[in-house]
Protein backbone atom coordinates (compact mmCIF):
# COMPACT_ATOMS: atom_id res chain seq x y z
CA MET A 1 0.00 0.00 0.00
CA ASN A 2 1.70 3.17 -1.15
CA THR A 3 -0.87 5.65 0.16
CA ILE A 4 -2.53 6.24 3.49
CA ALA A 5 -5.98 6.01 1.88
CA ALA A 6 -5.17 2.63 0.32
CA LEU A 7 -3.81 1.34 3.64
CA ALA A 8 -6.94 2.47 5.50
CA ASP A 9 -9.16 0.74 2.94
CA SER A 10 -7.09 -2.44 3.23
CA ILE A 11 -7.44 -2.43 7.03
CA ILE A 12 -11.22 -2.04 6.73
CA GLN A 13 -11.17 -5.07 4.43
CA GLY A 14 -9.36 -7.12 7.10
CA TYR A 15 -5.64 -6.53 6.68
CA ARG A 16 -3.66 -6.03 9.89
CA ILE A 17 -0.22 -4.44 10.21
CA GLN A 18 2.38 -6.81 11.63
CA ARG A 19 5.89 -6.65 13.03
CA GLY A 20 8.36 -6.51 10.16
CA ASP A 21 6.11 -4.43 7.89
CA ASP A 22 7.55 -1.22 6.51
CA LEU A 23 6.10 1.44 8.82
CA SER A 24 7.93 4.42 7.35
CA ILE A 25 4.69 5.72 5.81
CA PHE A 26 3.52 6.71 9.30
CA LEU A 27 6.52 8.98 9.80
CA GLU A 28 6.71 10.36 6.27
CA ALA A 29 3.06 11.01 5.37
CA PRO A 30 1.73 14.55 5.86
CA LEU A 31 0.04 14.72 9.25
CA GLU A 32 -3.27 15.90 7.80
CA GLU A 33 -3.37 12.92 5.42
CA LEU A 34 -2.56 10.51 8.24
CA GLN A 35 -5.25 12.04 10.44
CA LYS A 36 -7.82 11.76 7.66
CA GLY A 37 -7.06 8.06 7.28
CA ALA A 38 -7.20 7.50 11.05
CA GLY A 39 -10.55 9.29 11.16
CA ILE A 40 -11.94 6.96 8.48
CA LEU A 41 -10.82 3.92 10.51
CA GLN A 42 -12.19 5.39 13.72
CA ARG A 43 -15.62 6.00 12.24
CA HIS A 44 -15.70 2.52 10.69
CA PHE A 45 -14.72 0.63 13.84
CA CYS A 46 -16.06 2.96 16.53
CA GLY A 47 -18.87 4.95 14.98
CA ASN A 48 -19.44 8.17 16.91
CA HIS A 49 -18.85 6.62 20.34
CA VAL A 50 -16.27 7.94 22.82
CA ASP A 51 -15.59 5.96 25.99
CA PHE A 52 -14.96 8.04 29.12
CA CYS A 53 -13.20 6.57 32.13
CA THR A 54 -12.42 8.21 35.46
CA ILE A 55 -9.89 7.35 38.15
CA ILE A 56 -9.22 7.94 41.80
CA ASN A 57 -5.77 7.84 43.37
CA GLY A 58 -6.60 5.24 46.00
CA ARG A 59 -3.14 5.13 47.60
CA SER A 60 -0.51 7.75 46.90
CA GLY A 61 3.27 8.06 47.10
CA ARG A 62 5.98 6.06 48.83
CA CYS A 63 6.40 3.71 45.87
CA GLY A 64 9.55 1.57 45.94
CA GLU A 65 9.90 1.40 42.15
CA ASP A 66 12.17 3.81 40.27
CA CYS A 67 10.13 4.72 37.16
CA LYS A 68 11.77 7.94 36.00
CA TYR A 69 8.55 9.69 34.98
CA CYS A 70 6.66 9.12 38.22
CA ALA A 71 5.94 11.68 40.93
CA GLN A 72 5.09 8.92 43.41
CA ALA A 73 8.44 7.07 43.45
CA ALA A 74 10.02 7.31 46.92
CA CYS A 75 13.47 7.79 45.35
CA HIS A 76 12.29 11.06 43.79
CA HIS A 77 11.57 14.24 45.71
CA THR A 78 8.46 15.74 44.15
CA GLY A 79 6.38 16.78 47.14
CA CYS A 80 3.43 14.70 45.93
CA ASP A 81 0.68 13.76 48.36
CA GLU A 82 1.40 10.66 50.42
CA TYR A 83 -1.39 8.66 52.05
CA GLY A 84 -2.55 5.11 52.66
CA PHE A 85 -5.56 3.41 51.10
CA LEU A 86 -8.54 5.76 51.08
CA PRO A 87 -11.64 5.12 53.18
CA LYS A 88 -14.28 3.14 51.29
CA GLU A 89 -16.84 5.89 51.78
CA GLU A 90 -14.64 8.41 49.95
CA ILE A 91 -14.09 6.03 47.05
CA LEU A 92 -17.80 5.25 46.74
CA ALA A 93 -18.79 8.91 46.83
CA ASN A 94 -16.28 9.66 44.08
CA ALA A 95 -17.46 6.76 41.94
CA LYS A 96 -21.12 7.78 42.29
CA ALA A 97 -20.34 11.38 41.39
CA ASN A 98 -18.50 10.25 38.26
CA GLN A 99 -21.31 7.86 37.37
CA ASP A 100 -23.93 10.58 37.79
CA ALA A 101 -21.86 12.94 35.64
CA GLY A 102 -21.97 10.39 32.80
CA ALA A 103 -18.64 8.55 32.90
CA ASN A 104 -18.60 5.02 31.48
CA ARG A 105 -16.16 3.45 33.91
CA PHE A 106 -14.32 4.08 37.16
CA ALA A 107 -10.93 2.84 38.37
CA ILE A 108 -9.06 2.78 41.65
CA VAL A 109 -5.35 3.32 40.98
CA THR A 110 -2.76 2.66 43.70
CA SER A 111 0.93 3.40 44.02
CA GLY A 112 3.47 0.67 44.65
CA ARG A 113 4.82 -2.45 42.96
CA ALA A 114 1.66 -4.37 43.88
CA LEU A 115 -1.33 -3.93 46.15
CA THR A 116 -1.18 -6.62 48.84
CA GLY A 117 -2.29 -7.51 52.34
CA ALA A 118 -4.84 -5.36 54.19
CA ASP A 119 -4.90 -2.71 51.46
CA PHE A 120 -5.80 -5.32 48.83
CA GLU A 121 -8.64 -6.56 51.04
CA LYS A 122 -9.86 -2.97 51.41
CA ALA A 123 -9.85 -2.60 47.63
CA LEU A 124 -11.88 -5.80 47.21
CA ASP A 125 -14.41 -4.51 49.71
CA ALA A 126 -14.71 -1.20 47.86
CA TYR A 127 -15.19 -2.88 44.47
CA ARG A 128 -17.74 -5.30 45.92
CA THR A 129 -19.79 -2.47 47.36
CA MET A 130 -19.59 -0.41 44.17
CA LYS A 131 -20.78 -3.39 42.15
CA GLN A 132 -23.75 -3.82 44.48
CA THR A 133 -24.79 -0.17 44.61
CA LEU A 134 -23.71 1.44 41.31
CA HIS A 135 -23.93 0.60 37.61
CA ILE A 136 -20.68 2.19 36.39
CA ASP A 137 -18.17 -0.31 34.93
CA LEU A 138 -15.26 -1.07 37.26
CA CYS A 139 -11.57 -1.01 36.37
CA ALA A 140 -8.54 -1.62 38.62
CA SER A 141 -4.88 -0.61 38.47
CA HIS A 142 -2.83 -2.18 41.26
CA GLY A 143 0.51 -3.14 39.78
CA LEU A 144 2.07 -6.57 39.39
CA LEU A 145 -0.72 -8.76 40.78
CA THR A 146 -0.78 -12.56 40.91
CA PRO A 147 -3.30 -14.67 38.98
CA GLU A 148 -5.08 -15.39 42.27
CA GLN A 149 -5.41 -11.67 43.05
CA LEU A 150 -6.71 -10.97 39.55
CA HIS A 151 -9.28 -13.72 40.00
CA ARG A 152 -10.44 -12.23 43.29
CA LEU A 153 -10.78 -8.81 41.66
CA HIS A 154 -12.83 -10.34 38.87
CA GLU A 155 -15.12 -12.02 41.40
CA THR A 156 -15.96 -8.66 42.99
CA GLY A 157 -17.22 -7.22 39.69
CA VAL A 158 -14.07 -5.66 38.20
CA THR A 159 -14.18 -6.13 34.42
CA SER A 160 -11.03 -4.28 33.28
CA TYR A 161 -7.43 -4.25 34.48
CA HIS A 162 -5.09 -1.37 33.66
CA HIS A 163 -1.37 -2.10 33.35
CA ASN A 164 0.77 -0.08 30.93
CA ILE A 165 3.77 -1.46 29.08
CA GLU A 166 4.92 2.22 29.09
CA THR A 167 7.23 2.11 26.05
CA SER A 168 9.09 -0.28 23.75
CA ARG A 169 10.95 -3.31 25.05
CA ARG A 170 14.21 -1.67 23.93
CA PHE A 171 13.64 1.57 25.81
CA PHE A 172 12.03 0.19 28.96
CA PRO A 173 15.31 -0.35 30.90
CA HIS A 174 16.07 3.35 30.40
CA ILE A 175 13.01 4.35 32.42
CA CYS A 176 12.76 1.60 35.07
CA THR A 177 15.24 -0.82 36.65
CA THR A 178 13.29 -2.20 39.63
CA HIS A 179 11.10 -4.43 37.48
CA THR A 180 11.20 -5.56 33.86
CA TYR A 181 9.17 -5.24 30.70
CA ASP A 182 8.52 -8.98 30.93
CA ASP A 183 7.13 -8.54 34.46
CA ARG A 184 4.50 -6.27 32.95
CA ILE A 185 3.76 -8.63 30.06
CA ARG A 186 3.21 -11.51 32.50
CA THR A 187 0.68 -9.46 34.46
CA ILE A 188 -1.16 -8.47 31.28
CA LYS A 189 -1.37 -12.06 30.07
CA ALA A 190 -2.54 -13.25 33.49
CA ALA A 191 -5.32 -10.64 33.46
CA GLN A 192 -6.36 -11.70 29.97
CA LYS A 193 -6.36 -15.37 31.00
CA GLU A 194 -8.64 -14.44 33.88
CA GLY A 195 -11.07 -12.95 31.36
CA LEU A 196 -10.48 -9.31 32.22
CA CYS A 197 -10.34 -6.67 29.53
CA VAL A 198 -6.85 -5.17 29.63
CA CYS A 199 -6.20 -1.46 29.30
CA SER A 200 -2.52 -0.96 28.45
CA GLY A 201 -0.58 1.78 26.73
CA GLY A 202 2.28 4.03 27.62
CA ILE A 203 3.95 7.40 27.75
CA ILE A 204 5.53 9.29 24.88
CA GLY A 205 8.05 12.10 25.21
CA MET A 206 10.43 10.36 27.64
CA GLY A 207 13.36 10.38 25.23
CA GLU A 208 12.30 7.40 23.12
CA THR A 209 12.56 7.38 19.32
CA TRP A 210 9.71 7.32 16.82
CA GLU A 211 10.68 3.71 16.18
CA ASP A 212 10.12 2.98 19.89
CA ARG A 213 6.61 4.42 19.63
CA LEU A 214 5.86 2.30 16.57
CA ASP A 215 7.25 -0.75 18.36
CA MET A 216 5.00 -0.09 21.36
CA ALA A 217 1.97 0.11 19.05
CA ILE A 218 2.91 -3.20 17.42
CA SER A 219 3.50 -4.89 20.78
CA LEU A 220 0.06 -3.82 22.00
CA ALA A 221 -1.51 -5.17 18.80
CA GLU A 222 0.29 -8.49 19.31
CA LEU A 223 -1.11 -8.66 22.84
CA GLY A 224 -4.63 -7.97 21.59
CA ILE A 225 -5.09 -4.98 23.89
CA GLN A 226 -8.61 -3.51 23.73
CA SER A 227 -7.99 -0.13 25.38
CA ILE A 228 -4.78 1.83 24.79
CA PRO A 229 -4.14 5.02 26.81
CA ILE A 230 -1.58 7.34 25.26
CA ASN A 231 0.02 9.68 27.78
CA ALA A 232 2.20 12.62 26.77
CA LEU A 233 4.86 13.20 29.41
CA MET A 234 4.16 16.14 31.66
CA PRO A 235 7.64 16.66 33.19
CA ILE A 236 7.34 16.75 36.97
CA PRO A 237 9.93 18.65 39.05
CA GLY A 238 11.90 16.28 41.22
CA THR A 239 11.85 13.39 38.73
CA PRO A 240 14.79 12.48 36.46
CA LEU A 241 12.72 13.61 33.46
CA GLU A 242 11.90 17.04 34.89
CA HIS A 243 13.88 18.86 32.19
CA ARG A 244 12.44 17.00 29.19
CA ALA A 245 10.87 19.40 26.71
CA GLN A 246 7.12 19.01 26.36
CA LEU A 247 6.00 17.35 23.16
CA ASP A 248 4.61 19.33 20.28
CA GLY A 249 0.90 18.71 19.83
CA ARG A 250 1.39 17.66 16.22
CA ASP A 251 3.73 14.87 17.30
CA ILE A 252 1.10 13.60 19.73
CA LEU A 253 -1.54 13.71 16.98
CA ARG A 254 0.74 11.72 14.64
CA THR A 255 1.25 9.10 17.34
CA ILE A 256 -2.48 8.79 18.00
CA ALA A 257 -3.18 8.43 14.29
CA PHE A 258 -0.72 5.61 13.64
CA PHE A 259 -1.82 3.81 16.81
CA ARG A 260 -5.29 3.73 15.20
CA PHE A 261 -3.88 2.18 12.03
CA ILE A 262 -1.94 -0.46 13.97
CA ASN A 263 -4.72 -1.15 16.50
CA PRO A 264 -7.83 -0.39 14.44
CA GLU A 265 -10.40 -2.06 16.71
CA ALA A 266 -9.06 -0.81 20.05
CA ASN A 267 -10.12 2.20 22.06
CA ILE A 268 -7.24 4.64 21.59
CA ARG A 269 -7.54 6.65 24.79
CA LEU A 270 -6.37 10.20 25.50
CA ALA A 271 -4.70 10.39 28.90
CA ALA A 272 -2.17 12.73 30.51
CA GLY A 273 -1.01 15.63 28.37
CA ARG A 274 -4.32 16.39 26.71
CA LYS A 275 -3.77 20.09 27.27
CA LEU A 276 -0.85 19.90 24.82
CA LEU A 277 -3.29 18.97 22.04
CA PRO A 278 -5.28 21.41 19.89
CA GLU A 279 -8.64 22.23 21.51
CA ASN A 280 -7.83 20.00 24.49
CA GLY A 281 -8.04 16.87 22.36
CA ALA A 282 -11.06 17.70 20.19
CA THR A 283 -8.97 17.32 17.03
CA ALA A 284 -7.68 13.94 18.21
CA LEU A 285 -11.21 12.68 18.89
CA LEU A 286 -11.94 13.14 15.18
CA SER A 287 -8.70 11.59 13.94
CA GLY A 288 -7.97 8.37 15.79
CA ALA A 289 -8.83 8.67 19.48
CA SER A 290 -12.09 7.02 20.54
CA ALA A 291 -11.75 7.29 24.32
CA SER A 292 -10.39 9.50 27.05
CA ILE A 293 -9.66 9.66 30.72
CA THR A 294 -11.72 12.50 32.12
CA GLY A 295 -11.82 14.23 35.48
CA ASN A 296 -8.40 14.37 37.16
CA MET A 297 -5.23 12.45 36.38
CA LEU A 298 -3.18 11.00 39.24
CA THR A 299 -0.90 13.95 39.88
CA THR A 300 -1.56 16.26 36.92
CA SER A 301 -4.80 18.09 36.25
CA GLY A 302 -7.13 16.74 33.57
CA SER A 303 -10.42 17.94 32.09
CA THR A 304 -13.72 17.90 33.92
CA ILE A 305 -16.50 15.54 32.87
CA VAL A 306 -18.85 18.47 32.30
CA GLU A 307 -16.37 20.09 29.92
CA ASP A 308 -15.82 16.83 28.06
CA MET A 309 -19.54 16.14 27.70
CA ALA A 310 -20.00 19.58 26.19
CA MET A 311 -17.12 18.91 23.80
CA LEU A 312 -18.66 15.62 22.65
CA LYS A 313 -21.96 17.35 21.92
CA ARG A 314 -20.16 20.04 19.95
CA LEU A 315 -18.32 17.39 17.89
CA GLY A 316 -21.41 15.29 17.22
CA LEU A 317 -20.04 12.39 19.28
CA SER A 318 -21.58 10.43 22.14
CA ASN A 319 -20.50 8.34 25.11
CA GLN A 320 -23.76 6.38 25.25
CA ASP A 321 -23.61 2.58 25.09
CA LEU A 322 -22.48 1.13 21.80
CA GLY A 323 -24.72 -1.06 19.70
CA GLU A 324 -24.38 -4.83 19.47
CA ASN A 325 -22.32 -4.68 16.29
CA SER A 326 -19.58 -2.47 17.69
CA THR A 327 -16.08 -3.95 17.89
CA CYS A 328 -14.33 -0.94 19.35
CA GLY A 329 -12.81 -1.55 22.75
CA PRO A 330 -14.11 -3.07 25.96
CA ARG A 331 -17.88 -2.76 26.08
């Protein structure tokens, strides 16, 4: 396929990009042409639906891992909030507020290598109660869990597990040394074996190459990931990446567009760094992105649900339930 339009048509007909294919077209094509092709794929596979998820920082700071981008690593000195697992009542109130505002799903995210012991039991109790009293879909993000823990989460009503691969296999050791890329892959595969939908993506702008970004997109396709959050690094003072220059919005848009080509049926999800995009991501939601985190990020401010709902209406999009024939992402 020597044009973006021809490649998009081929993907609609069933072709899927694989490792070893020549991916130079994604770096050489004019951005506007690439976005147009991504928009065609998005409309074909996703219709006008945008999936909104919200998160709460259920346990913050004091993490023993050394991920260079993270405000919550104990080895960094960022002044981030530090607290133990939140009271169940606070989590439930937050989940209900997000549900009532129109969000599709809600996740508890916790710092640390893995949630264990009493804190894990508290999380199970919170999910169990939310499942019994609310109708919002439940997602969890608790690090490198065991198959048994993932099973227990699933039993409480959790349907999705979030666990980023963060970057390419090649670049991963440059951003984290306390666990490996393969540790993350094992957790993802264990969650999939349990029957959980997996939400997994990464961060761009950490010093990786364009080839690393393409490799990450291919790796996620090989894993069959259904929801792919794309974060643009927001350099945080006190972390080793504090002096990284913020990405240009056009580079983020190019990344989103080729992720759509490589993962045509997934929810490509806007995450941290949305404010770097034109119109706070509105352009991206018409050219590849079919989902977004809304509300607040973990340690960097996001967009409010009210603002995002207004934006969807303005764009002619909707976050209402998809029809039976939809294949886009975890519904």
